C-alpha atoms as a PDB file:
ATOM      1  CA  MET A   1     153.373 126.326  95.796  1.00  0.00           C
ATOM      2  CA  GLY A   2     152.881 123.292  98.047  1.00  0.00           C
ATOM      3  CA  ILE A   3     155.062 120.173  98.164  1.00  0.00           C
ATOM      4  CA  ALA A   4     152.329 118.098  96.506  1.00  0.00           C
ATOM      5  CA  SER A   5     152.156 120.520  93.559  1.00  0.00           C
ATOM      6  CA  ILE A   6     155.941 120.527  93.170  1.00  0.00           C
ATOM      7  CA  CYS A   7     156.013 116.714  93.159  1.00  0.00           C
ATOM      8  CA  MET A   8     153.254 116.554  90.545  1.00  0.00           C
ATOM      9  CA  ASN A   9     155.154 118.977  88.318  1.00  0.00           C
ATOM     10  CA  LEU A  10     158.261 116.811  88.592  1.00  0.00           C
ATOM     11  CA  VAL A  11     156.289 113.669  87.763  1.00  0.00           C
ATOM     12  CA  ASN A  12     154.798 115.298  84.673  1.00  0.00           C
ATOM     13  CA  PHE A  13     158.081 116.880  83.550  1.00  0.00           C
ATOM     14  CA  GLN A  14     159.099 115.638  80.102  1.00  0.00           C
ATOM     15  CA  ALA A  15     162.366 116.296  78.281  1.00  0.00           C
ATOM     16  CA  ALA A  16     164.830 114.255  76.262  1.00  0.00           C
ATOM     17  CA  GLY A  17     166.876 112.075  78.628  1.00  0.00           C
ATOM     18  CA  TYR A  18     164.784 112.980  81.691  1.00  0.00           C
ATOM     19  CA  THR A  19     162.803 109.744  81.696  1.00  0.00           C
ATOM     20  CA  GLY A  20     162.529 107.554  84.763  1.00  0.00           C
ATOM     21  CA  LEU A  21     162.253 103.773  84.922  1.00  0.00           C
ATOM     22  CA  PHE A  22     159.660 102.200  87.189  1.00  0.00           C
ATOM     23  CA  ASN A  23     160.858  99.527  89.571  1.00  0.00           C
ATOM     24  CA  LEU A  24     159.366  96.151  88.696  1.00  0.00           C
ATOM     25  CA  ARG A  25     159.361  94.989  92.301  1.00  0.00           C
ATOM     26  CA  ASN A  26     163.110  95.073  93.149  1.00  0.00           C
ATOM     27  CA  THR A  27     164.788  96.055  89.885  1.00  0.00           C
ATOM     28  CA  CYS A  28     166.499  99.243  91.036  1.00  0.00           C
ATOM     29  CA  PHE A  29     169.887  97.577  90.325  1.00  0.00           C
ATOM     30  CA  MET A  30     168.828  97.162  86.679  1.00  0.00           C
ATOM     31  CA  ASN A  31     167.335 100.641  86.366  1.00  0.00           C
ATOM     32  CA  ALA A  32     170.411 102.330  87.812  1.00  0.00           C
ATOM     33  CA  THR A  33     172.690 100.450  85.402  1.00  0.00           C
ATOM     34  CA  LEU A  34     170.487 101.200  82.400  1.00  0.00           C
ATOM     35  CA  GLN A  35     170.326 104.909  83.238  1.00  0.00           C
ATOM     36  CA  ALA A  36     174.103 105.043  83.592  1.00  0.00           C
ATOM     37  CA  LEU A  37     174.529 103.461  80.148  1.00  0.00           C
ATOM     38  CA  PHE A  38     171.840 105.665  78.596  1.00  0.00           C
ATOM     39  CA  HIS A  39     173.717 108.754  79.767  1.00  0.00           C
ATOM     40  CA  THR A  40     177.287 107.643  79.080  1.00  0.00           C
ATOM     41  CA  PRO A  41     178.480 110.216  76.503  1.00  0.00           C
ATOM     42  CA  GLY A  42     178.693 108.686  73.061  1.00  0.00           C
ATOM     43  CA  PHE A  43     177.261 105.273  73.938  1.00  0.00           C
ATOM     44  CA  ALA A  44     173.538 105.853  73.371  1.00  0.00           C
ATOM     45  CA  PRO A  45     173.982 107.150  69.778  1.00  0.00           C
ATOM     46  CA  ILE A  46     175.404 103.754  68.786  1.00  0.00           C
ATOM     47  CA  PHE A  47     171.960 102.218  69.352  1.00  0.00           C
ATOM     48  CA  MET A  48     169.573 105.111  68.737  1.00  0.00           C
ATOM     49  CA  ASN A  49     167.328 105.577  65.701  1.00  0.00           C
ATOM     50  CA  GLN A  50     167.854 102.032  64.385  1.00  0.00           C
ATOM     51  CA  ARG A  51     171.629 102.564  64.040  1.00  0.00           C
ATOM     52  CA  VAL A  52     172.156  99.324  65.928  1.00  0.00           C
ATOM     53  CA  GLU A  53     171.021  97.352  62.852  1.00  0.00           C
ATOM     54  CA  LYS A  54     174.275  98.055  61.019  1.00  0.00           C
ATOM     55  CA  HIS A  55     176.312  96.762  63.973  1.00  0.00           C
ATOM     56  CA  VAL A  56     174.478  93.511  64.707  1.00  0.00           C
ATOM     57  CA  ASN A  57     176.030  90.294  63.395  1.00  0.00           C
ATOM     58  CA  PRO A  58     173.150  87.781  63.081  1.00  0.00           C
ATOM     59  CA  SER A  59     175.633  85.000  62.282  1.00  0.00           C
ATOM     60  CA  ASN A  60     177.322  85.097  65.678  1.00  0.00           C
ATOM     61  CA  LYS A  61     176.048  82.043  67.551  1.00  0.00           C
ATOM     62  CA  PHE A  62     177.238  83.450  70.888  1.00  0.00           C
ATOM     63  CA  GLY A  63     174.892  86.450  70.698  1.00  0.00           C
ATOM     64  CA  THR A  64     171.122  86.831  70.699  1.00  0.00           C
ATOM     65  CA  ARG A  65     171.100  87.734  66.980  1.00  0.00           C
ATOM     66  CA  GLY A  66     170.176  91.290  67.834  1.00  0.00           C
ATOM     67  CA  VAL A  67     167.210  90.552  70.105  1.00  0.00           C
ATOM     68  CA  ILE A  68     168.624  92.062  73.307  1.00  0.00           C
ATOM     69  CA  SER A  69     170.297  94.869  71.356  1.00  0.00           C
ATOM     70  CA  GLY A  70     166.989  95.748  69.723  1.00  0.00           C
ATOM     71  CA  SER A  71     165.211  95.803  73.067  1.00  0.00           C
ATOM     72  CA  PHE A  72     167.981  97.923  74.585  1.00  0.00           C
ATOM     73  CA  ALA A  73     167.838 100.307  71.614  1.00  0.00           C
ATOM     74  CA  ALA A  74     164.062 100.662  71.962  1.00  0.00           C
ATOM     75  CA  LEU A  75     164.513 101.719  75.592  1.00  0.00           C
ATOM     76  CA  ILE A  76     167.143 104.284  74.618  1.00  0.00           C
ATOM     77  CA  ASP A  77     164.879 105.738  71.932  1.00  0.00           C
ATOM     78  CA  ALA A  78     162.030 106.041  74.422  1.00  0.00           C
ATOM     79  CA  VAL A  79     164.197 107.662  77.102  1.00  0.00           C
ATOM     80  CA  TRP A  80     165.655 110.210  74.686  1.00  0.00           C
ATOM     81  CA  SER A  81     162.407 110.926  72.843  1.00  0.00           C
ATOM     82  CA  GLY A  82     161.287 113.467  75.426  1.00  0.00           C
ATOM     83  CA  ARG A  83     157.755 112.079  75.315  1.00  0.00           C
ATOM     84  CA  TYR A  84     157.696 110.137  78.582  1.00  0.00           C
ATOM     85  CA  ALA A  85     158.177 111.132  82.201  1.00  0.00           C
ATOM     86  CA  ALA A  86     158.670 107.476  83.166  1.00  0.00           C
ATOM     87  CA  ILE A  87     158.351 104.073  81.507  1.00  0.00           C
ATOM     88  CA  ARG A  88     158.035 100.470  82.632  1.00  0.00           C
ATOM     89  CA  PRO A  89     160.854  98.339  81.166  1.00  0.00           C
ATOM     90  CA  GLU A  90     158.731  95.166  81.196  1.00  0.00           C
ATOM     91  CA  VAL A  91     159.588  94.010  77.677  1.00  0.00           C
ATOM     92  CA  PHE A  92     163.289  94.574  78.213  1.00  0.00           C
ATOM     93  CA  LEU A  93     163.236  92.615  81.484  1.00  0.00           C
ATOM     94  CA  GLU A  94     161.397  89.703  79.857  1.00  0.00           C
ATOM     95  CA  THR A  95     163.797  89.739  76.909  1.00  0.00           C
ATOM     96  CA  PHE A  96     166.798  89.767  79.235  1.00  0.00           C
ATOM     97  CA  ALA A  97     165.316  86.820  81.141  1.00  0.00           C
ATOM     98  CA  THR A  98     164.711  84.664  78.070  1.00  0.00           C
ATOM     99  CA  ARG A  99     167.807  85.556  76.044  1.00  0.00           C
ATOM    100  CA  VAL A 100     170.544  86.523  78.513  1.00  0.00           C
ATOM    101  CA  ASN A 101     170.154  85.530  82.181  1.00  0.00           C
ATOM    102  CA  ALA A 102     166.900  84.487  83.822  1.00  0.00           C
ATOM    103  CA  SER A 103     168.319  84.419  87.355  1.00  0.00           C
ATOM    104  CA  LEU A 104     168.988  88.180  87.199  1.00  0.00           C
ATOM    105  CA  ALA A 105     165.496  88.923  85.937  1.00  0.00           C
ATOM    106  CA  ASP A 106     163.394  87.358  88.700  1.00  0.00           C
ATOM    107  CA  ARG A 107     162.400  90.816  90.046  1.00  0.00           C
ATOM    108  CA  ARG A 108     164.478  90.343  93.172  1.00  0.00           C
ATOM    109  CA  GLN A 109     167.455  92.412  94.291  1.00  0.00           C
ATOM    110  CA  HIS A 110     170.748  91.623  92.567  1.00  0.00           C
ATOM    111  CA  ASP A 111     174.187  93.125  92.114  1.00  0.00           C
ATOM    112  CA  ALA A 112     174.248  96.023  89.620  1.00  0.00           C
ATOM    113  CA  GLN A 113     177.762  95.240  88.419  1.00  0.00           C
ATOM    114  CA  GLU A 114     176.869  91.617  87.712  1.00  0.00           C
ATOM    115  CA  PHE A 115     173.887  92.781  85.666  1.00  0.00           C
ATOM    116  CA  GLN A 116     176.086  95.225  83.788  1.00  0.00           C
ATOM    117  CA  ILE A 117     178.624  92.516  82.957  1.00  0.00           C
ATOM    118  CA  TYR A 118     175.975  90.204  81.494  1.00  0.00           C
ATOM    119  CA  LEU A 119     174.259  93.018  79.587  1.00  0.00           C
ATOM    120  CA  LEU A 120     177.412  94.485  78.045  1.00  0.00           C
ATOM    121  CA  ASP A 121     178.660  91.017  77.133  1.00  0.00           C
ATOM    122  CA  ALA A 122     175.341  90.254  75.405  1.00  0.00           C
ATOM    123  CA  LEU A 123     175.432  93.562  73.515  1.00  0.00           C
ATOM    124  CA  HIS A 124     179.047  92.915  72.574  1.00  0.00           C
ATOM    125  CA  GLU A 125     178.336  89.414  71.271  1.00  0.00           C
ATOM    126  CA  ASP A 126     175.379  90.701  69.242  1.00  0.00           C
ATOM    127  CA  CYS A 127     177.765  93.109  67.529  1.00  0.00           C
ATOM    128  CA  ASN A 128     180.832  90.864  67.440  1.00  0.00           C
ATOM    129  CA  LYS A 129     182.017  90.791  63.814  1.00  0.00           C
ATOM    130  CA  ILE A 130     184.236  87.731  64.296  1.00  0.00           C
ATOM    131  CA  ASN A 131     182.565  84.433  63.385  1.00  0.00           C
ATOM    132  CA  ALA A 132     185.689  82.246  63.140  1.00  0.00           C
ATOM    133  CA  ARG A 133     187.526  83.127  66.315  1.00  0.00           C
ATOM    134  CA  LYS A 134     191.283  82.699  66.499  1.00  0.00           C
ATOM    135  CA  PRO A 135     192.259  81.983  70.123  1.00  0.00           C
ATOM    136  CA  PHE A 136     195.762  82.868  71.258  1.00  0.00           C
ATOM    137  CA  GLU A 137     197.952  82.324  74.289  1.00  0.00           C
ATOM    138  CA  GLN A 138     198.935  85.338  76.338  1.00  0.00           C
ATOM    139  CA  ASN A 139     202.468  84.267  77.192  1.00  0.00           C
ATOM    140  CA  TYR A 140     203.686  87.768  77.913  1.00  0.00           C
ATOM    141  CA  THR A 141     206.617  88.160  80.289  1.00  0.00           C
ATOM    142  CA  GLY A 142     206.289  91.879  80.970  1.00  0.00           C
ATOM    143  CA  LYS A 143     209.798  92.599  79.725  1.00  0.00           C
ATOM    144  CA  GLN A 144     208.559  94.322  76.567  1.00  0.00           C
ATOM    145  CA  LEU A 145     205.303  95.982  77.583  1.00  0.00           C
ATOM    146  CA  THR A 146     204.921  98.191  74.537  1.00  0.00           C
ATOM    147  CA  LYS A 147     205.544  95.356  72.087  1.00  0.00           C
ATOM    148  CA  ASP A 148     203.376  92.948  74.093  1.00  0.00           C
ATOM    149  CA  ALA A 149     200.489  95.442  74.226  1.00  0.00           C
ATOM    150  CA  GLU A 150     200.640  95.950  70.466  1.00  0.00           C
ATOM    151  CA  ASP A 151     200.696  92.189  69.881  1.00  0.00           C
ATOM    152  CA  TYR A 152     197.755  91.689  72.228  1.00  0.00           C
ATOM    153  CA  MET A 153     195.656  94.332  70.489  1.00  0.00           C
ATOM    154  CA  GLN A 154     196.298  92.783  67.077  1.00  0.00           C
ATOM    155  CA  ARG A 155     195.580  89.230  68.170  1.00  0.00           C
ATOM    156  CA  SER A 156     192.548  90.084  70.291  1.00  0.00           C
ATOM    157  CA  ARG A 157     190.842  91.689  67.287  1.00  0.00           C
ATOM    158  CA  LEU A 158     191.006  88.343  65.500  1.00  0.00           C
ATOM    159  CA  PHE A 159     189.129  86.780  68.409  1.00  0.00           C
ATOM    160  CA  SER A 160     186.664  89.484  69.351  1.00  0.00           C
ATOM    161  CA  SER A 161     185.744  92.784  67.707  1.00  0.00           C
ATOM    162  CA  SER A 162     182.610  94.870  68.222  1.00  0.00           C
ATOM    163  CA  VAL A 163     181.533  98.477  68.486  1.00  0.00           C
ATOM    164  CA  VAL A 164     180.781  97.864  72.181  1.00  0.00           C
ATOM    165  CA  ASN A 165     184.299  96.557  72.787  1.00  0.00           C
ATOM    166  CA  ASP A 166     185.804  99.429  70.844  1.00  0.00           C
ATOM    167  CA  PHE A 167     183.848 101.954  72.894  1.00  0.00           C
ATOM    168  CA  PHE A 168     184.810 100.731  76.349  1.00  0.00           C
ATOM    169  CA  ASN A 169     188.350  99.499  75.654  1.00  0.00           C
ATOM    170  CA  VAL A 170     191.212 101.965  75.647  1.00  0.00           C
ATOM    171  CA  GLY A 171     192.767 101.760  72.203  1.00  0.00           C
ATOM    172  CA  TRP A 172     196.423 101.102  71.483  1.00  0.00           C
ATOM    173  CA  GLY A 173     196.775 104.609  70.079  1.00  0.00           C
ATOM    174  CA  ALA A 174     195.908 106.025  73.479  1.00  0.00           C
ATOM    175  CA  MET A 175     198.693 104.277  75.381  1.00  0.00           C
ATOM    176  CA  LEU A 176     201.855 105.832  76.769  1.00  0.00           C
ATOM    177  CA  GLY A 177     204.893 104.087  78.170  1.00  0.00           C
ATOM    178  CA  LEU A 178     206.299 105.443  81.451  1.00  0.00           C
ATOM    179  CA  GLU A 179     209.413 104.242  83.217  1.00  0.00           C
ATOM    180  CA  CYS A 180     209.925 104.630  86.957  1.00  0.00           C
ATOM    181  CA  GLY A 181     213.439 104.183  88.303  1.00  0.00           C
ATOM    182  CA  LEU A 182     213.511 102.571  91.733  1.00  0.00           C
ATOM    183  CA  SER A 183     217.279 102.096  91.752  1.00  0.00           C
ATOM    184  CA  GLU A 184     220.166 101.619  89.342  1.00  0.00           C
ATOM    185  CA  ASN A 185     219.328  97.937  88.946  1.00  0.00           C
ATOM    186  CA  LEU A 186     215.544  97.998  89.203  1.00  0.00           C
ATOM    187  CA  LYS A 187     213.090  99.860  87.007  1.00  0.00           C
ATOM    188  CA  LEU A 188     209.343  99.521  86.636  1.00  0.00           C
ATOM    189  CA  LYS A 189     207.598 100.182  83.338  1.00  0.00           C
ATOM    190  CA  PHE A 190     203.934 101.079  82.989  1.00  0.00           C
ATOM    191  CA  LEU A 191     201.479 101.431  80.172  1.00  0.00           C
ATOM    192  CA  VAL A 192     198.890 104.070  80.965  1.00  0.00           C
ATOM    193  CA  ALA A 193     196.079 105.679  79.019  1.00  0.00           C
ATOM    194  CA  ASP A 194     196.583 109.288  78.024  1.00  0.00           C
ATOM    195  CA  SER A 195     192.873 109.607  77.240  1.00  0.00           C
ATOM    196  CA  PHE A 196     189.572 107.763  77.453  1.00  0.00           C
ATOM    197  CA  PRO A 197     188.110 107.344  73.949  1.00  0.00           C
ATOM    198  CA  THR A 198     184.387 107.650  73.345  1.00  0.00           C
ATOM    199  CA  ALA A 199     182.352 107.884  70.180  1.00  0.00           C
ATOM    200  CA  MET A 200     181.929 111.643  70.709  1.00  0.00           C
ATOM    201  CA  HIS A 201     185.143 112.956  72.227  1.00  0.00           C
ATOM    202  CA  ARG A 202     188.373 112.118  74.034  1.00  0.00           C
ATOM    203  CA  VAL A 203     188.727 113.020  77.682  1.00  0.00           C
ATOM    204  CA  PRO A 204     192.386 113.690  78.584  1.00  0.00           C
ATOM    205  CA  LEU A 205     193.730 112.174  81.790  1.00  0.00           C
ATOM    206  CA  SER A 206     196.209 113.961  84.041  1.00  0.00           C
ATOM    207  CA  LEU A 207     199.517 112.111  84.333  1.00  0.00           C
ATOM    208  CA  GLY A 208     201.661 112.995  87.335  1.00  0.00           C
ATOM    209  CA  HIS A 209     205.416 113.188  87.053  1.00  0.00           C
ATOM    210  CA  LEU A 210     207.415 110.243  88.359  1.00  0.00           C
ATOM    211  CA  ARG A 211     209.952 111.462  90.855  1.00  0.00           C
ATOM    212  CA  GLY A 212     213.278 109.634  90.898  1.00  0.00           C
ATOM    213  CA  ASP A 213     213.555 106.653  93.178  1.00  0.00           C
ATOM    214  CA  GLU A 214     210.470 107.244  95.336  1.00  0.00           C
ATOM    215  CA  PRO A 215     208.414 103.997  95.132  1.00  0.00           C
ATOM    216  CA  ASP A 216     205.301 105.631  96.503  1.00  0.00           C
ATOM    217  CA  GLN A 217     205.350 108.102  93.619  1.00  0.00           C
ATOM    218  CA  CYS A 218     205.634 105.393  90.956  1.00  0.00           C
END
């Protein structure tokens, strides 16, 4: 089989999740970010098959009232339908331009992380259940990390709470307190995640042992 035939077979290959996104001039930064989110375990099911409707808060004035979330969900459904080898995300790009950030949707090259920040924030605000936000000061000294972390988690949920936030933030239940002794008079305390929570499973993280007074091991 020649190279041309192999390439044609790849172009025509169709399976759920194996759907490419055409570049709309220089939108590879957007396509790469979207594909990463589409294939993040547990994230796509939040939006697929019209599930996003139950998460959207149309009363949140800081969101797009579900417009960008609906467009994002439509892309996910198309990618995971198994019916397309590749699609052109024109509607999504236009929606992002009009409802989120026009400067990142001018079909020129931009930073993928910056695009991701704006997109995830827009999805979060669409799903943010808090209408009357209660701001709070983070006057934490670091002397009581466990207590401070618990207080922060409780207060932050009165300011911002969404399924997007819940997915990407490590929950309080997944935190461990470790103490590293540098000397008799100096100790460092850390809060670390013992797992990364997703909607489908928990991925355990390996925690190394802290060895005595060796700073480079703490």
